[in-house]
C-alpha atoms as a PDB file:
ATOM      1  CA  MET A   1     108.833  54.655 -45.102  1.00  0.00           C
ATOM      2  CA  ARG A   2     107.342  56.581 -48.010  1.00  0.00           C
ATOM      3  CA  ASN A   3     105.261  55.986 -50.979  1.00  0.00           C
ATOM      4  CA  GLU A   4     105.576  57.237 -54.683  1.00  0.00           C
ATOM      5  CA  ARG A   5     103.751  60.762 -53.684  1.00  0.00           C
ATOM      6  CA  GLY A   6     106.018  61.345 -50.853  1.00  0.00           C
ATOM      7  CA  GLY A   7     103.566  60.678 -48.197  1.00  0.00           C
ATOM      8  CA  SER A   8     103.922  58.304 -45.326  1.00  0.00           C
ATOM      9  CA  SER A   9     103.004  54.642 -46.061  1.00  0.00           C
ATOM     10  CA  ILE A  10     102.267  53.750 -42.497  1.00  0.00           C
ATOM     11  CA  PRO A  11      99.733  55.968 -40.606  1.00  0.00           C
ATOM     12  CA  ALA A  12     100.959  57.592 -37.532  1.00  0.00           C
ATOM     13  CA  LEU A  13      98.518  55.615 -35.235  1.00  0.00           C
ATOM     14  CA  ALA A  14      99.659  52.493 -36.789  1.00  0.00           C
ATOM     15  CA  VAL A  15     103.173  53.218 -36.069  1.00  0.00           C
ATOM     16  CA  LEU A  16     102.377  54.019 -32.241  1.00  0.00           C
ATOM     17  CA  VAL A  17     100.504  50.581 -32.042  1.00  0.00           C
ATOM     18  CA  LEU A  18     103.394  48.742 -33.626  1.00  0.00           C
ATOM     19  CA  LEU A  19     105.923  50.495 -31.106  1.00  0.00           C
ATOM     20  CA  GLY A  20     103.574  49.447 -28.351  1.00  0.00           C
ATOM     21  CA  ILE A  21     103.568  45.649 -29.340  1.00  0.00           C
ATOM     22  CA  VAL A  22     107.269  45.787 -29.759  1.00  0.00           C
ATOM     23  CA  ALA A  23     107.519  47.294 -26.250  1.00  0.00           C
ATOM     24  CA  ALA A  24     105.220  44.615 -24.871  1.00  0.00           C
ATOM     25  CA  VAL A  25     106.782  41.582 -26.356  1.00  0.00           C
ATOM     26  CA  GLY A  26     110.367  42.609 -27.193  1.00  0.00           C
ATOM     27  CA  ILE A  27     111.259  42.462 -31.074  1.00  0.00           C
ATOM     28  CA  TRP A  28     114.125  40.373 -30.341  1.00  0.00           C
ATOM     29  CA  GLY A  29     113.558  37.915 -27.483  1.00  0.00           C
ATOM     30  CA  GLY A  30     109.720  37.028 -27.422  1.00  0.00           C
ATOM     31  CA  LYS A  31     107.409  37.850 -24.730  1.00  0.00           C
ATOM     32  CA  LYS A  32     108.677  40.172 -22.109  1.00  0.00           C
ATOM     33  CA  HIS A  33     107.632  38.927 -18.677  1.00  0.00           C
ATOM     34  CA  GLU A  34     106.031  41.346 -16.209  1.00  0.00           C
ATOM     35  CA  THR A  35     107.508  41.507 -12.749  1.00  0.00           C
ATOM     36  CA  VAL A  36     106.558  38.394 -10.816  1.00  0.00           C
ATOM     37  CA  ASP A  37     105.655  38.940  -7.099  1.00  0.00           C
ATOM     38  CA  LEU A  38     108.190  36.364  -5.538  1.00  0.00           C
ATOM     39  CA  SER A  39     106.703  36.692  -2.073  1.00  0.00           C
ATOM     40  CA  THR A  40     103.535  34.922  -3.454  1.00  0.00           C
ATOM     41  CA  LEU A  41     105.332  31.855  -4.718  1.00  0.00           C
ATOM     42  CA  THR A  42     106.468  28.661  -2.802  1.00  0.00           C
ATOM     43  CA  ALA A  43     110.020  28.154  -2.503  1.00  0.00           C
ATOM     44  CA  SER A  44     111.550  24.895  -4.051  1.00  0.00           C
ATOM     45  CA  THR A  45     113.467  23.318  -1.142  1.00  0.00           C
ATOM     46  CA  THR A  46     113.987  19.833  -0.104  1.00  0.00           C
ATOM     47  CA  ALA A  47     111.402  20.421   2.594  1.00  0.00           C
ATOM     48  CA  THR A  48     108.448  21.620   0.303  1.00  0.00           C
ATOM     49  CA  THR A  49     106.066  20.197  -2.234  1.00  0.00           C
ATOM     50  CA  ILE A  50     105.014  21.996  -5.396  1.00  0.00           C
ATOM     51  CA  ALA A  51     102.553  19.805  -7.005  1.00  0.00           C
ATOM     52  CA  THR A  52     102.087  21.929 -10.091  1.00  0.00           C
ATOM     53  CA  ALA A  53     105.884  21.611 -11.199  1.00  0.00           C
ATOM     54  CA  PRO A  54     106.315  19.935 -14.437  1.00  0.00           C
ATOM     55  CA  LEU A  55     108.000  16.428 -14.281  1.00  0.00           C
ATOM     56  CA  ASP A  56     110.981  15.267 -15.970  1.00  0.00           C
ATOM     57  CA  THR A  57     110.058  13.551 -19.201  1.00  0.00           C
ATOM     58  CA  GLN A  58     113.413  11.915 -19.772  1.00  0.00           C
ATOM     59  CA  PRO A  59     114.334  10.586 -16.121  1.00  0.00           C
ATOM     60  CA  PHE A  60     117.076   8.312 -17.167  1.00  0.00           C
ATOM     61  CA  SER A  61     118.762  10.588 -19.795  1.00  0.00           C
ATOM     62  CA  GLY A  62     122.093  12.288 -19.315  1.00  0.00           C
ATOM     63  CA  THR A  63     122.950  15.939 -19.657  1.00  0.00           C
ATOM     64  CA  THR A  64     125.566  18.158 -21.196  1.00  0.00           C
ATOM     65  CA  GLY A  65     126.988  18.748 -17.613  1.00  0.00           C
ATOM     66  CA  LEU A  66     125.834  22.449 -17.565  1.00  0.00           C
ATOM     67  CA  VAL A  67     125.004  23.576 -14.070  1.00  0.00           C
ATOM     68  CA  VAL A  68     123.289  27.042 -13.008  1.00  0.00           C
ATOM     69  CA  HIS A  69     123.192  29.027  -9.707  1.00  0.00           C
ATOM     70  CA  PRO A  70     120.769  31.800  -9.329  1.00  0.00           C
ATOM     71  CA  ARG A  71     122.499  35.087  -8.121  1.00  0.00           C
ATOM     72  CA  ALA A  72     119.344  35.842  -6.401  1.00  0.00           C
ATOM     73  CA  GLU A  73     115.896  34.481  -5.837  1.00  0.00           C
ATOM     74  CA  ALA A  74     114.290  33.596  -9.077  1.00  0.00           C
ATOM     75  CA  ALA A  75     110.878  32.600 -10.268  1.00  0.00           C
ATOM     76  CA  LEU A  76     110.204  29.151 -11.783  1.00  0.00           C
ATOM     77  CA  TYR A  77     107.928  28.759 -14.722  1.00  0.00           C
ATOM     78  CA  SER A  78     105.918  25.696 -16.038  1.00  0.00           C
ATOM     79  CA  ALA A  79     107.380  26.431 -19.658  1.00  0.00           C
ATOM     80  CA  PRO A  80     108.876  29.447 -21.427  1.00  0.00           C
ATOM     81  CA  ASP A  81     106.690  32.552 -21.287  1.00  0.00           C
ATOM     82  CA  ALA A  82     104.137  30.667 -19.171  1.00  0.00           C
ATOM     83  CA  ASP A  83     102.959  31.409 -15.741  1.00  0.00           C
ATOM     84  CA  ALA A  84     105.385  31.051 -12.567  1.00  0.00           C
ATOM     85  CA  PHE A  85     104.558  28.356 -10.106  1.00  0.00           C
ATOM     86  CA  GLY A  86     107.333  28.733  -7.607  1.00  0.00           C
ATOM     87  CA  LYS A  87     110.715  30.104  -7.110  1.00  0.00           C
ATOM     88  CA  ILE A  88     114.367  28.861  -6.171  1.00  0.00           C
ATOM     89  CA  GLY A  89     116.716  30.403  -3.660  1.00  0.00           C
ATOM     90  CA  THR A  90     120.547  31.001  -3.813  1.00  0.00           C
ATOM     91  CA  SER A  91     121.419  28.526  -1.082  1.00  0.00           C
ATOM     92  CA  GLN A  92     120.213  25.071   0.486  1.00  0.00           C
ATOM     93  CA  PHE A  93     122.938  23.109   2.366  1.00  0.00           C
ATOM     94  CA  GLY A  94     125.485  25.720   0.626  1.00  0.00           C
ATOM     95  CA  PRO A  95     125.012  27.370  -2.922  1.00  0.00           C
ATOM     96  CA  THR A  96     122.152  26.154  -5.095  1.00  0.00           C
ATOM     97  CA  TRP A  97     123.468  24.633  -8.187  1.00  0.00           C
ATOM     98  CA  LEU A  98     120.959  22.959 -10.566  1.00  0.00           C
ATOM     99  CA  PRO A  99     121.572  20.840 -13.564  1.00  0.00           C
ATOM    100  CA  VAL A 100     120.121  22.004 -16.778  1.00  0.00           C
ATOM    101  CA  VAL A 101     118.149  19.412 -18.798  1.00  0.00           C
ATOM    102  CA  GLU A 102     116.850  21.415 -21.487  1.00  0.00           C
ATOM    103  CA  GLN A 103     117.662  24.683 -22.768  1.00  0.00           C
ATOM    104  CA  THR A 104     115.906  27.295 -25.660  1.00  0.00           C
ATOM    105  CA  ASP A 105     116.583  30.897 -26.498  1.00  0.00           C
ATOM    106  CA  GLY A 106     116.552  32.772 -23.214  1.00  0.00           C
ATOM    107  CA  TRP A 107     115.380  29.943 -20.950  1.00  0.00           C
ATOM    108  CA  VAL A 108     116.998  26.619 -19.060  1.00  0.00           C
ATOM    109  CA  ARG A 109     114.931  23.941 -17.730  1.00  0.00           C
ATOM    110  CA  VAL A 110     116.629  22.526 -14.229  1.00  0.00           C
ATOM    111  CA  LEU A 111     115.909  19.713 -11.972  1.00  0.00           C
ATOM    112  CA  LEU A 112     114.535  20.649  -8.536  1.00  0.00           C
ATOM    113  CA  PRO A 113     114.964  19.743  -4.998  1.00  0.00           C
ATOM    114  CA  SER A 114     111.249  19.826  -4.037  1.00  0.00           C
ATOM    115  CA  LYS A 115     108.601  17.316  -4.239  1.00  0.00           C
ATOM    116  CA  PRO A 116     107.399  15.098  -5.912  1.00  0.00           C
ATOM    117  CA  ASN A 117     110.483  13.597  -7.274  1.00  0.00           C
ATOM    118  CA  ARG A 118     111.511  14.571 -10.854  1.00  0.00           C
ATOM    119  CA  SER A 119     110.256  17.987 -10.466  1.00  0.00           C
ATOM    120  CA  THR A 120     111.478  20.422 -12.952  1.00  0.00           C
ATOM    121  CA  GLY A 121     111.178  24.141 -13.569  1.00  0.00           C
ATOM    122  CA  TRP A 122     112.125  26.932 -16.137  1.00  0.00           C
ATOM    123  CA  LEU A 123     114.403  29.813 -15.318  1.00  0.00           C
ATOM    124  CA  GLN A 124     114.990  32.713 -17.201  1.00  0.00           C
ATOM    125  CA  ASP A 125     118.513  32.750 -18.739  1.00  0.00           C
ATOM    126  CA  GLU A 126     119.699  35.801 -16.870  1.00  0.00           C
ATOM    127  CA  ASP A 127     121.416  36.463 -13.411  1.00  0.00           C
ATOM    128  CA  LEU A 128     122.613  33.048 -13.492  1.00  0.00           C
ATOM    129  CA  ASP A 129     126.099  31.979 -12.928  1.00  0.00           C
ATOM    130  CA  ARG A 130     127.032  28.888 -15.147  1.00  0.00           C
ATOM    131  CA  ALA A 131     129.633  26.046 -14.645  1.00  0.00           C
ATOM    132  CA  SER A 132     130.161  22.542 -16.058  1.00  0.00           C
ATOM    133  CA  SER A 133     130.512  19.351 -14.066  1.00  0.00           C
ATOM    134  CA  SER A 134     132.422  16.498 -15.854  1.00  0.00           C
ATOM    135  CA  TYR A 135     131.267  14.162 -13.191  1.00  0.00           C
ATOM    136  CA  LEU A 136     128.575  11.509 -13.065  1.00  0.00           C
ATOM    137  CA  ILE A 137     127.112   9.440 -10.430  1.00  0.00           C
ATOM    138  CA  ARG A 138     125.322   6.147 -11.238  1.00  0.00           C
ATOM    139  CA  VAL A 139     123.515   4.157  -8.560  1.00  0.00           C
ATOM    140  CA  HIS A 140     122.124   0.725  -9.568  1.00  0.00           C
ATOM    141  CA  THR A 141     119.629  -0.674  -6.943  1.00  0.00           C
ATOM    142  CA  SER A 142     119.495  -4.210  -8.454  1.00  0.00           C
ATOM    143  CA  SER A 143     123.188  -4.918  -8.325  1.00  0.00           C
ATOM    144  CA  ARG A 144     123.286  -2.459  -5.356  1.00  0.00           C
ATOM    145  CA  THR A 145     126.416  -0.559  -6.551  1.00  0.00           C
ATOM    146  CA  ILE A 146     127.360   2.961  -7.197  1.00  0.00           C
ATOM    147  CA  GLU A 147     129.889   4.151  -9.985  1.00  0.00           C
ATOM    148  CA  LEU A 148     131.665   7.306 -10.250  1.00  0.00           C
ATOM    149  CA  PHE A 149     132.665   8.801 -13.767  1.00  0.00           C
ATOM    150  CA  LEU A 150     134.889  11.908 -14.924  1.00  0.00           C
ATOM    151  CA  ASN A 151     134.612  12.662 -18.557  1.00  0.00           C
ATOM    152  CA  GLY A 152     133.071   9.452 -19.103  1.00  0.00           C
ATOM    153  CA  LYS A 153     135.959   7.425 -17.465  1.00  0.00           C
ATOM    154  CA  SER A 154     135.372   5.178 -14.302  1.00  0.00           C
ATOM    155  CA  LEU A 155     136.997   6.377 -11.212  1.00  0.00           C
ATOM    156  CA  GLY A 156     135.469   3.541  -9.297  1.00  0.00           C
ATOM    157  CA  SER A 157     132.656   1.178  -8.493  1.00  0.00           C
ATOM    158  CA  TRP A 158     131.707   0.176  -5.006  1.00  0.00           C
ATOM    159  CA  LYS A 159     129.146  -2.153  -3.271  1.00  0.00           C
ATOM    160  CA  ALA A 160     126.609   0.055  -1.826  1.00  0.00           C
ATOM    161  CA  GLY A 161     123.529  -0.238   0.686  1.00  0.00           C
ATOM    162  CA  VAL A 162     120.403   0.743  -0.897  1.00  0.00           C
ATOM    163  CA  GLY A 163     116.677   1.171   0.098  1.00  0.00           C
ATOM    164  CA  ALA A 164     114.961  -1.829   1.369  1.00  0.00           C
ATOM    165  CA  GLN A 165     111.803  -3.166  -0.673  1.00  0.00           C
ATOM    166  CA  LYS A 166     109.409  -1.157   1.592  1.00  0.00           C
ATOM    167  CA  THR A 167     111.480   1.998   1.417  1.00  0.00           C
ATOM    168  CA  PRO A 168     113.186   2.011  -1.956  1.00  0.00           C
ATOM    169  CA  THR A 169     115.720   4.256  -3.213  1.00  0.00           C
ATOM    170  CA  PRO A 170     113.818   6.409  -6.094  1.00  0.00           C
ATOM    171  CA  PRO A 171     114.641   5.812  -9.628  1.00  0.00           C
ATOM    172  CA  GLY A 172     115.402   8.383 -12.226  1.00  0.00           C
ATOM    173  CA  ARG A 173     117.786  11.198 -12.572  1.00  0.00           C
ATOM    174  CA  THR A 174     118.592  13.669  -9.552  1.00  0.00           C
ATOM    175  CA  PHE A 175     121.545  15.690  -8.664  1.00  0.00           C
ATOM    176  CA  LEU A 176     123.940  16.362  -5.716  1.00  0.00           C
ATOM    177  CA  LEU A 177     122.135  18.865  -3.818  1.00  0.00           C
ATOM    178  CA  GLY A 178     124.607  19.641  -0.779  1.00  0.00           C
ATOM    179  CA  SER A 179     127.635  18.488   1.015  1.00  0.00           C
ATOM    180  CA  ILE A 180     127.419  18.253   4.911  1.00  0.00           C
ATOM    181  CA  ILE A 181     130.049  17.494   7.514  1.00  0.00           C
ATOM    182  CA  ASP A 182     128.554  17.077  10.965  1.00  0.00           C
ATOM    183  CA  HIS A 183     130.794  15.352  13.497  1.00  0.00           C
ATOM    184  CA  LYS A 184     127.795  14.604  15.673  1.00  0.00           C
ATOM    185  CA  ARG A 185     126.428  12.234  13.325  1.00  0.00           C
ATOM    186  CA  SER A 186     128.058   8.983  14.537  1.00  0.00           C
ATOM    187  CA  ALA A 187     126.910   6.908  11.504  1.00  0.00           C
ATOM    188  CA  SER A 188     128.494   9.219   9.058  1.00  0.00           C
ATOM    189  CA  PRO A 189     129.760  12.664   9.555  1.00  0.00           C
ATOM    190  CA  ILE A 190     129.843  13.293   6.039  1.00  0.00           C
ATOM    191  CA  VAL A 191     126.327  13.405   4.132  1.00  0.00           C
ATOM    192  CA  LEU A 192     125.606  14.223   0.669  1.00  0.00           C
ATOM    193  CA  PRO A 193     121.873  15.293   0.086  1.00  0.00           C
ATOM    194  CA  LEU A 194     120.301  14.650  -3.257  1.00  0.00           C
ATOM    195  CA  GLY A 195     117.552  16.531  -4.773  1.00  0.00           C
ATOM    196  CA  ALA A 196     115.117  13.285  -4.280  1.00  0.00           C
ATOM    197  CA  HIS A 197     113.054  11.852  -1.590  1.00  0.00           C
ATOM    198  CA  SER A 198     111.858   8.578  -0.301  1.00  0.00           C
ATOM    199  CA  PRO A 199     108.580   7.700  -2.167  1.00  0.00           C
ATOM    200  CA  THR A 200     107.261   5.996   0.995  1.00  0.00           C
ATOM    201  CA  LEU A 201     108.238   8.125   3.939  1.00  0.00           C
ATOM    202  CA  ASP A 202     107.323  11.718   4.505  1.00  0.00           C
ATOM    203  CA  THR A 203     109.799  12.133   7.222  1.00  0.00           C
ATOM    204  CA  PHE A 204     112.791  10.340   8.582  1.00  0.00           C
ATOM    205  CA  GLY A 205     115.259  11.163  11.344  1.00  0.00           C
ATOM    206  CA  GLY A 206     113.536  14.448  11.855  1.00  0.00           C
ATOM    207  CA  GLY A 207     113.725  15.470   8.435  1.00  0.00           C
ATOM    208  CA  PRO A 208     111.700  15.466   5.316  1.00  0.00           C
ATOM    209  CA  GLY A 209     112.742  12.244   3.934  1.00  0.00           C
ATOM    210  CA  THR A 210     115.424  13.580   1.762  1.00  0.00           C
ATOM    211  CA  VAL A 211     117.624  10.831   0.214  1.00  0.00           C
ATOM    212  CA  ALA A 212     121.323  11.210   0.607  1.00  0.00           C
ATOM    213  CA  ILE A 213     124.476   9.391  -0.099  1.00  0.00           C
ATOM    214  CA  HIS A 214     126.463   8.604   3.079  1.00  0.00           C
ATOM    215  CA  GLY A 215     128.945   6.435   4.939  1.00  0.00           C
ATOM    216  CA  TRP A 216     128.219   3.477   7.319  1.00  0.00           C
ATOM    217  CA  PRO A 217     130.181   2.253  10.203  1.00  0.00           C
ATOM    218  CA  ASN A 218     129.010  -1.553   9.545  1.00  0.00           C
ATOM    219  CA  PRO A 219     130.389  -2.939   6.153  1.00  0.00           C
ATOM    220  CA  HIS A 220     127.869  -5.685   6.065  1.00  0.00           C
ATOM    221  CA  VAL A 221     125.398  -3.227   4.645  1.00  0.00           C
ATOM    222  CA  PHE A 222     127.253  -2.720   1.555  1.00  0.00           C
ATOM    223  CA  GLY A 223     125.514  -4.741  -1.338  1.00  0.00           C
ATOM    224  CA  ALA A 224     122.349  -4.988   0.660  1.00  0.00           C
ATOM    225  CA  ALA A 225     118.870  -3.500   0.127  1.00  0.00           C
ATOM    226  CA  ILE A 226     118.504  -2.572   3.620  1.00  0.00           C
ATOM    227  CA  SER A 227     118.143   1.352   3.973  1.00  0.00           C
ATOM    228  CA  ALA A 228     115.478   3.752   4.395  1.00  0.00           C
ATOM    229  CA  GLY A 229     116.158   5.038   0.884  1.00  0.00           C
ATOM    230  CA  CYS A 230     119.809   6.615   1.208  1.00  0.00           C
ATOM    231  CA  VAL A 231     122.660   5.149  -0.335  1.00  0.00           C
ATOM    232  CA  ARG A 232     125.235   3.826   1.917  1.00  0.00           C
ATOM    233  CA  VAL A 233     128.748   3.785   0.553  1.00  0.00           C
ATOM    234  CA  PRO A 234     132.266   2.652   1.860  1.00  0.00           C
ATOM    235  CA  LYS A 235     134.748   5.377   3.213  1.00  0.00           C
ATOM    236  CA  THR A 236     136.732   4.934   0.032  1.00  0.00           C
ATOM    237  CA  ALA A 237     133.689   5.717  -2.225  1.00  0.00           C
ATOM    238  CA  LEU A 238     132.700   8.588   0.059  1.00  0.00           C
ATOM    239  CA  ALA A 239     136.159  10.248  -0.140  1.00  0.00           C
ATOM    240  CA  HIS A 240     135.929  10.398  -4.104  1.00  0.00           C
ATOM    241  CA  LEU A 241     132.363  11.509  -3.894  1.00  0.00           C
ATOM    242  CA  GLN A 242     132.753  14.240  -1.483  1.00  0.00           C
ATOM    243  CA  LYS A 243     135.214  15.853  -3.967  1.00  0.00           C
ATOM    244  CA  VAL A 244     132.168  16.262  -6.737  1.00  0.00           C
ATOM    245  CA  PRO A 245     130.748  19.691  -7.344  1.00  0.00           C
ATOM    246  CA  LEU A 246     127.199  20.322  -6.411  1.00  0.00           C
ATOM    247  CA  GLY A 247     124.779  20.228  -9.112  1.00  0.00           C
ATOM    248  CA  THR A 248     126.387  16.873 -10.460  1.00  0.00           C
ATOM    249  CA  LEU A 249     123.917  14.637 -12.138  1.00  0.00           C
ATOM    250  CA  VAL A 250     123.035  11.388 -10.387  1.00  0.00           C
ATOM    251  CA  LEU A 251     121.282   8.766 -12.198  1.00  0.00           C
ATOM    252  CA  ILE A 252     119.602   6.058 -10.084  1.00  0.00           C
ATOM    253  CA  ASP A 253     118.360   2.965 -12.061  1.00  0.00           C
ATOM    254  CA  SER A 254     117.248  -0.473 -11.370  1.00  0.00           C
ATOM    255  CA  LYS A 255     120.043  -2.394 -13.033  1.00  0.00           C
END
């Protein structure tokens, strides 16, 4: 850029400063993050607690169905362009698929599998595989029922066993974290862990108190508030639920 006398209208030093700012913040994409040392961060898993994780502000809302899978271990941020507070790996009970609850330019906010319940984190929108789940699972703890929807259409509603008064099933939105088939489990070889945890038990059955959907051999539990927080369902319901992709939203309410 030149002035009327043919000289430069921007001093050379100012140009260098401007270029330095562009390199530091990125002229198109906002602040450019420095490399994060992932080894210093706590991994978000069903067995960990990250007290600094931001909590879900709309715990009973739906989503667009968008789910993401990190191709490599990735840092979690408390907000876009904020500090990293944790990290998320590529697998846990199978590939890690997380539901997206909010989006902004270059970032997605996801639900997390770690404690406390309703934990969320922001991921940079790169090196992520994207998919969409048209399914929705609803659990109603007062009526003690579970419902499955596909594209908003009901695929079935079943009576379910839910958490007892002293060990309730935690309300709020969570997601299908994994699908386990273990024939050594006599009560239910098929277990579908969720990204939620018992609010009253730190451990259960040798595990970290992860809430799951699973079957039960005694049908008398269906329709009762009887479990340690898990959702017990009939075989017919479990057969449908086993087909639901990982990352699918699960809404738990007190209806």
